[in-house]
Amino acid sequence: MTPMTTEQVAEFLDVKVERVRRLARENLLVAKDTDANGEPIFDKTDVEKYKELAQRLGGI
């Protein structure tokens, strides 16, 4: 697992951090863990799969 922070995911997906948090809350992007501040940590492979699926469906 290659961990990604919320900020890294937002940059990778080219969206705002709040959008990433909302995706996590709605279980559209599943966090694997949380950091010391309670922020979600995502697996890079999952984020890449989500981005590919979102692009197929017309965008994030």
PDB file of N, CA and C in Angstrom:
ATOM      1  N   MET A   1       0.842  -1.183   0.000  1.00  0.00           N
ATOM      2  CA  MET A   1       0.000   0.000   0.000  1.00  0.00           C
ATOM      3  C   MET A   1       0.884   1.242   0.000  1.00  0.00           C
ATOM      4  N   THR A   2       0.618   2.113  -0.921  1.00  0.00           N
ATOM      5  CA  THR A   2       1.280   3.407  -0.957  1.00  0.00           C
ATOM      6  C   THR A   2       0.290   4.430  -0.403  1.00  0.00           C
ATOM      7  N   PRO A   3       0.549   4.958   0.796  1.00  0.00           N
ATOM      8  CA  PRO A   3      -0.407   5.878   1.413  1.00  0.00           C
ATOM      9  C   PRO A   3      -0.392   7.266   0.784  1.00  0.00           C
ATOM     10  N   MET A   4      -1.583   7.863   0.739  1.00  0.00           N
ATOM     11  CA  MET A   4      -1.731   9.234   0.240  1.00  0.00           C
ATOM     12  C   MET A   4      -2.568  10.022   1.239  1.00  0.00           C
ATOM     13  N   THR A   5      -2.152  11.239   1.509  1.00  0.00           N
ATOM     14  CA  THR A   5      -2.927  12.110   2.387  1.00  0.00           C
ATOM     15  C   THR A   5      -4.087  12.716   1.610  1.00  0.00           C
ATOM     16  N   THR A   6      -4.986  13.340   2.333  1.00  0.00           N
ATOM     17  CA  THR A   6      -6.124  14.007   1.705  1.00  0.00           C
ATOM     18  C   THR A   6      -5.651  15.053   0.715  1.00  0.00           C
ATOM     19  N   GLU A   7      -4.631  15.808   1.080  1.00  0.00           N
ATOM     20  CA  GLU A   7      -4.100  16.852   0.205  1.00  0.00           C
ATOM     21  C   GLU A   7      -3.485  16.261  -1.061  1.00  0.00           C
ATOM     22  N   GLN A   8      -2.775  15.153  -0.926  1.00  0.00           N
ATOM     23  CA  GLN A   8      -2.175  14.505  -2.089  1.00  0.00           C
ATOM     24  C   GLN A   8      -3.244  13.971  -3.035  1.00  0.00           C
ATOM     25  N   VAL A   9      -4.304  13.408  -2.456  1.00  0.00           N
ATOM     26  CA  VAL A   9      -5.401  12.900  -3.282  1.00  0.00           C
ATOM     27  C   VAL A   9      -6.079  14.051  -4.018  1.00  0.00           C
ATOM     28  N   ALA A  10      -6.304  15.151  -3.316  1.00  0.00           N
ATOM     29  CA  ALA A  10      -6.940  16.317  -3.938  1.00  0.00           C
ATOM     30  C   ALA A  10      -6.106  16.817  -5.114  1.00  0.00           C
ATOM     31  N   GLU A  11      -4.801  16.866  -4.934  1.00  0.00           N
ATOM     32  CA  GLU A  11      -3.917  17.309  -6.013  1.00  0.00           C
ATOM     33  C   GLU A  11      -3.942  16.315  -7.174  1.00  0.00           C
ATOM     34  N   PHE A  12      -3.903  15.036  -6.871  1.00  0.00           N
ATOM     35  CA  PHE A  12      -3.909  13.997  -7.903  1.00  0.00           C
ATOM     36  C   PHE A  12      -5.209  14.029  -8.711  1.00  0.00           C
ATOM     37  N   LEU A  13      -6.332  14.235  -8.031  1.00  0.00           N
ATOM     38  CA  LEU A  13      -7.628  14.265  -8.701  1.00  0.00           C
ATOM     39  C   LEU A  13      -7.978  15.642  -9.246  1.00  0.00           C
ATOM     40  N   ASP A  14      -7.170  16.629  -8.903  1.00  0.00           N
ATOM     41  CA  ASP A  14      -7.391  18.023  -9.315  1.00  0.00           C
ATOM     42  C   ASP A  14      -8.744  18.545  -8.811  1.00  0.00           C
ATOM     43  N   VAL A  15      -8.979  18.313  -7.503  1.00  0.00           N
ATOM     44  CA  VAL A  15     -10.183  18.797  -6.833  1.00  0.00           C
ATOM     45  C   VAL A  15      -9.771  19.430  -5.504  1.00  0.00           C
ATOM     46  N   LYS A  16     -10.727  20.059  -4.839  1.00  0.00           N
ATOM     47  CA  LYS A  16     -10.457  20.659  -3.538  1.00  0.00           C
ATOM     48  C   LYS A  16     -10.439  19.580  -2.455  1.00  0.00           C
ATOM     49  N   VAL A  17      -9.730  19.873  -1.368  1.00  0.00           N
ATOM     50  CA  VAL A  17      -9.614  18.949  -0.244  1.00  0.00           C
ATOM     51  C   VAL A  17     -10.999  18.600   0.313  1.00  0.00           C
ATOM     52  N   GLU A  18     -11.888  19.562   0.374  1.00  0.00           N
ATOM     53  CA  GLU A  18     -13.240  19.311   0.878  1.00  0.00           C
ATOM     54  C   GLU A  18     -13.960  18.260   0.043  1.00  0.00           C
ATOM     55  N   ARG A  19     -13.727  18.268  -1.241  1.00  0.00           N
ATOM     56  CA  ARG A  19     -14.351  17.272  -2.128  1.00  0.00           C
ATOM     57  C   ARG A  19     -13.863  15.871  -1.782  1.00  0.00           C
ATOM     58  N   VAL A  20     -12.568  15.741  -1.497  1.00  0.00           N
ATOM     59  CA  VAL A  20     -12.004  14.441  -1.125  1.00  0.00           C
ATOM     60  C   VAL A  20     -12.621  13.976   0.194  1.00  0.00           C
ATOM     61  N   ARG A  21     -12.748  14.879   1.142  1.00  0.00           N
ATOM     62  CA  ARG A  21     -13.361  14.520   2.430  1.00  0.00           C
ATOM     63  C   ARG A  21     -14.806  14.064   2.225  1.00  0.00           C
ATOM     64  N   ARG A  22     -15.533  14.741   1.350  1.00  0.00           N
ATOM     65  CA  ARG A  22     -16.923  14.365   1.072  1.00  0.00           C
ATOM     66  C   ARG A  22     -16.982  12.988   0.418  1.00  0.00           C
ATOM     67  N   LEU A  23     -16.081  12.730  -0.533  1.00  0.00           N
ATOM     68  CA  LEU A  23     -16.044  11.413  -1.171  1.00  0.00           C
ATOM     69  C   LEU A  23     -15.784  10.315  -0.144  1.00  0.00           C
ATOM     70  N   ALA A  24     -14.932  10.602   0.819  1.00  0.00           N
ATOM     71  CA  ALA A  24     -14.641   9.631   1.878  1.00  0.00           C
ATOM     72  C   ALA A  24     -15.860   9.437   2.779  1.00  0.00           C
ATOM     73  N   ARG A  25     -16.527  10.524   3.145  1.00  0.00           N
ATOM     74  CA  ARG A  25     -17.722  10.430   3.996  1.00  0.00           C
ATOM     75  C   ARG A  25     -18.819   9.619   3.323  1.00  0.00           C
ATOM     76  N   GLU A  26     -18.952   9.785   2.018  1.00  0.00           N
ATOM     77  CA  GLU A  26     -19.992   9.096   1.250  1.00  0.00           C
ATOM     78  C   GLU A  26     -19.547   7.709   0.791  1.00  0.00           C
ATOM     79  N   ASN A  27     -18.375   7.279   1.237  1.00  0.00           N
ATOM     80  CA  ASN A  27     -17.811   5.968   0.908  1.00  0.00           C
ATOM     81  C   ASN A  27     -17.637   5.749  -0.591  1.00  0.00           C
ATOM     82  N   LEU A  28     -17.431   6.822  -1.331  1.00  0.00           N
ATOM     83  CA  LEU A  28     -17.118   6.700  -2.752  1.00  0.00           C
ATOM     84  C   LEU A  28     -15.623   6.517  -2.961  1.00  0.00           C
ATOM     85  N   LEU A  29     -14.864   6.966  -1.987  1.00  0.00           N
ATOM     86  CA  LEU A  29     -13.417   6.795  -1.959  1.00  0.00           C
ATOM     87  C   LEU A  29     -13.093   6.329  -0.546  1.00  0.00           C
ATOM     88  N   VAL A  30     -12.689   5.084  -0.402  1.00  0.00           N
ATOM     89  CA  VAL A  30     -12.556   4.470   0.909  1.00  0.00           C
ATOM     90  C   VAL A  30     -11.164   4.710   1.488  1.00  0.00           C
ATOM     91  N   ALA A  31     -11.140   5.273   2.696  1.00  0.00           N
ATOM     92  CA  ALA A  31      -9.881   5.496   3.402  1.00  0.00           C
ATOM     93  C   ALA A  31      -9.417   4.187   4.034  1.00  0.00           C
ATOM     94  N   LYS A  32      -8.131   3.942   4.000  1.00  0.00           N
ATOM     95  CA  LYS A  32      -7.565   2.732   4.582  1.00  0.00           C
ATOM     96  C   LYS A  32      -7.200   2.920   6.049  1.00  0.00           C
ATOM     97  N   ASP A  33      -6.959   4.177   6.440  1.00  0.00           N
ATOM     98  CA  ASP A  33      -6.510   4.466   7.797  1.00  0.00           C
ATOM     99  C   ASP A  33      -6.737   5.942   8.071  1.00  0.00           C
ATOM    100  N   THR A  34      -6.370   6.392   9.254  1.00  0.00           N
ATOM    101  CA  THR A  34      -6.400   7.815   9.581  1.00  0.00           C
ATOM    102  C   THR A  34      -5.055   8.207  10.175  1.00  0.00           C
ATOM    103  N   ASP A  35      -4.701   9.481  10.000  1.00  0.00           N
ATOM    104  CA  ASP A  35      -3.443   9.961  10.563  1.00  0.00           C
ATOM    105  C   ASP A  35      -3.667  10.432  11.998  1.00  0.00           C
ATOM    106  N   ALA A  36      -2.651  11.020  12.596  1.00  0.00           N
ATOM    107  CA  ALA A  36      -2.714  11.470  13.986  1.00  0.00           C
ATOM    108  C   ALA A  36      -3.757  12.564  14.194  1.00  0.00           C
ATOM    109  N   ASN A  37      -4.083  13.312  13.140  1.00  0.00           N
ATOM    110  CA  ASN A  37      -5.070  14.392  13.233  1.00  0.00           C
ATOM    111  C   ASN A  37      -6.479  13.924  12.883  1.00  0.00           C
ATOM    112  N   GLY A  38      -6.640  12.639  12.599  1.00  0.00           N
ATOM    113  CA  GLY A  38      -7.949  12.113  12.247  1.00  0.00           C
ATOM    114  C   GLY A  38      -8.304  12.246  10.771  1.00  0.00           C
ATOM    115  N   GLU A  39      -7.361  12.702   9.966  1.00  0.00           N
ATOM    116  CA  GLU A  39      -7.578  12.839   8.524  1.00  0.00           C
ATOM    117  C   GLU A  39      -7.417  11.473   7.856  1.00  0.00           C
ATOM    118  N   PRO A  40      -8.228  11.186   6.860  1.00  0.00           N
ATOM    119  CA  PRO A  40      -8.133   9.886   6.190  1.00  0.00           C
ATOM    120  C   PRO A  40      -6.837   9.722   5.399  1.00  0.00           C
ATOM    121  N   ILE A  41      -6.371   8.490   5.345  1.00  0.00           N
ATOM    122  CA  ILE A  41      -5.218   8.101   4.532  1.00  0.00           C
ATOM    123  C   ILE A  41      -5.736   7.110   3.496  1.00  0.00           C
ATOM    124  N   PHE A  42      -5.415   7.356   2.237  1.00  0.00           N
ATOM    125  CA  PHE A  42      -5.926   6.550   1.141  1.00  0.00           C
ATOM    126  C   PHE A  42      -4.810   5.741   0.503  1.00  0.00           C
ATOM    127  N   ASP A  43      -5.167   4.609  -0.094  1.00  0.00           N
ATOM    128  CA  ASP A  43      -4.236   3.788  -0.850  1.00  0.00           C
ATOM    129  C   ASP A  43      -4.167   4.339  -2.275  1.00  0.00           C
ATOM    130  N   LYS A  44      -2.964   4.549  -2.771  1.00  0.00           N
ATOM    131  CA  LYS A  44      -2.781   5.145  -4.098  1.00  0.00           C
ATOM    132  C   LYS A  44      -3.473   4.323  -5.192  1.00  0.00           C
ATOM    133  N   THR A  45      -3.434   3.013  -5.090  1.00  0.00           N
ATOM    134  CA  THR A  45      -4.078   2.157  -6.088  1.00  0.00           C
ATOM    135  C   THR A  45      -5.578   2.413  -6.127  1.00  0.00           C
ATOM    136  N   ASP A  46      -6.204   2.540  -4.951  1.00  0.00           N
ATOM    137  CA  ASP A  46      -7.639   2.821  -4.893  1.00  0.00           C
ATOM    138  C   ASP A  46      -7.972   4.177  -5.508  1.00  0.00           C
ATOM    139  N   VAL A  47      -7.122   5.159  -5.251  1.00  0.00           N
ATOM    140  CA  VAL A  47      -7.340   6.505  -5.791  1.00  0.00           C
ATOM    141  C   VAL A  47      -7.218   6.481  -7.315  1.00  0.00           C
ATOM    142  N   GLU A  48      -6.236   5.755  -7.822  1.00  0.00           N
ATOM    143  CA  GLU A  48      -6.069   5.648  -9.275  1.00  0.00           C
ATOM    144  C   GLU A  48      -7.270   4.965  -9.923  1.00  0.00           C
ATOM    145  N   LYS A  49      -7.779   3.899  -9.276  1.00  0.00           N
ATOM    146  CA  LYS A  49      -8.963   3.208  -9.802  1.00  0.00           C
ATOM    147  C   LYS A  49     -10.175   4.130  -9.776  1.00  0.00           C
ATOM    148  N   TYR A  50     -10.329   4.900  -8.706  1.00  0.00           N
ATOM    149  CA  TYR A  50     -11.449   5.825  -8.611  1.00  0.00           C
ATOM    150  C   TYR A  50     -11.374   6.869  -9.732  1.00  0.00           C
ATOM    151  N   LYS A  51     -10.181   7.410  -9.962  1.00  0.00           N
ATOM    152  CA  LYS A  51     -10.018   8.424 -10.998  1.00  0.00           C
ATOM    153  C   LYS A  51     -10.375   7.856 -12.372  1.00  0.00           C
ATOM    154  N   GLU A  52      -9.914   6.644 -12.652  1.00  0.00           N
ATOM    155  CA  GLU A  52     -10.218   6.010 -13.936  1.00  0.00           C
ATOM    156  C   GLU A  52     -11.724   5.806 -14.101  1.00  0.00           C
ATOM    157  N   LEU A  53     -12.377   5.316 -13.078  1.00  0.00           N
ATOM    158  CA  LEU A  53     -13.829   5.109 -13.132  1.00  0.00           C
ATOM    159  C   LEU A  53     -14.566   6.427 -13.305  1.00  0.00           C
ATOM    160  N   ALA A  54     -14.171   7.437 -12.546  1.00  0.00           N
ATOM    161  CA  ALA A  54     -14.826   8.740 -12.634  1.00  0.00           C
ATOM    162  C   ALA A  54     -14.675   9.342 -14.040  1.00  0.00           C
ATOM    163  N   GLN A  55     -13.507   9.179 -14.634  1.00  0.00           N
ATOM    164  CA  GLN A  55     -13.306   9.706 -15.990  1.00  0.00           C
ATOM    165  C   GLN A  55     -14.182   8.972 -17.001  1.00  0.00           C
ATOM    166  N   ARG A  56     -14.358   7.671 -16.814  1.00  0.00           N
ATOM    167  CA  ARG A  56     -15.235   6.911 -17.709  1.00  0.00           C
ATOM    168  C   ARG A  56     -16.681   7.355 -17.590  1.00  0.00           C
ATOM    169  N   LEU A  57     -17.062   7.767 -16.380  1.00  0.00           N
ATOM    170  CA  LEU A  57     -18.441   8.188 -16.134  1.00  0.00           C
ATOM    171  C   LEU A  57     -18.694   9.656 -16.457  1.00  0.00           C
ATOM    172  N   GLY A  58     -17.659  10.357 -16.884  1.00  0.00           N
ATOM    173  CA  GLY A  58     -17.874  11.737 -17.308  1.00  0.00           C
ATOM    174  C   GLY A  58     -17.206  12.778 -16.444  1.00  0.00           C
ATOM    175  N   GLY A  59     -16.403  12.402 -15.500  1.00  0.00           N
ATOM    176  CA  GLY A  59     -15.660  13.372 -14.690  1.00  0.00           C
ATOM    177  C   GLY A  59     -15.886  13.189 -13.211  1.00  0.00           C
ATOM    178  N   ILE A  60     -15.041  13.852 -12.476  1.00  0.00           N
ATOM    179  CA  ILE A  60     -15.068  13.723 -11.011  1.00  0.00           C
ATOM    180  C   ILE A  60     -16.060  14.696 -10.429  1.00  0.00           C
TER     181      ILE A  60
END
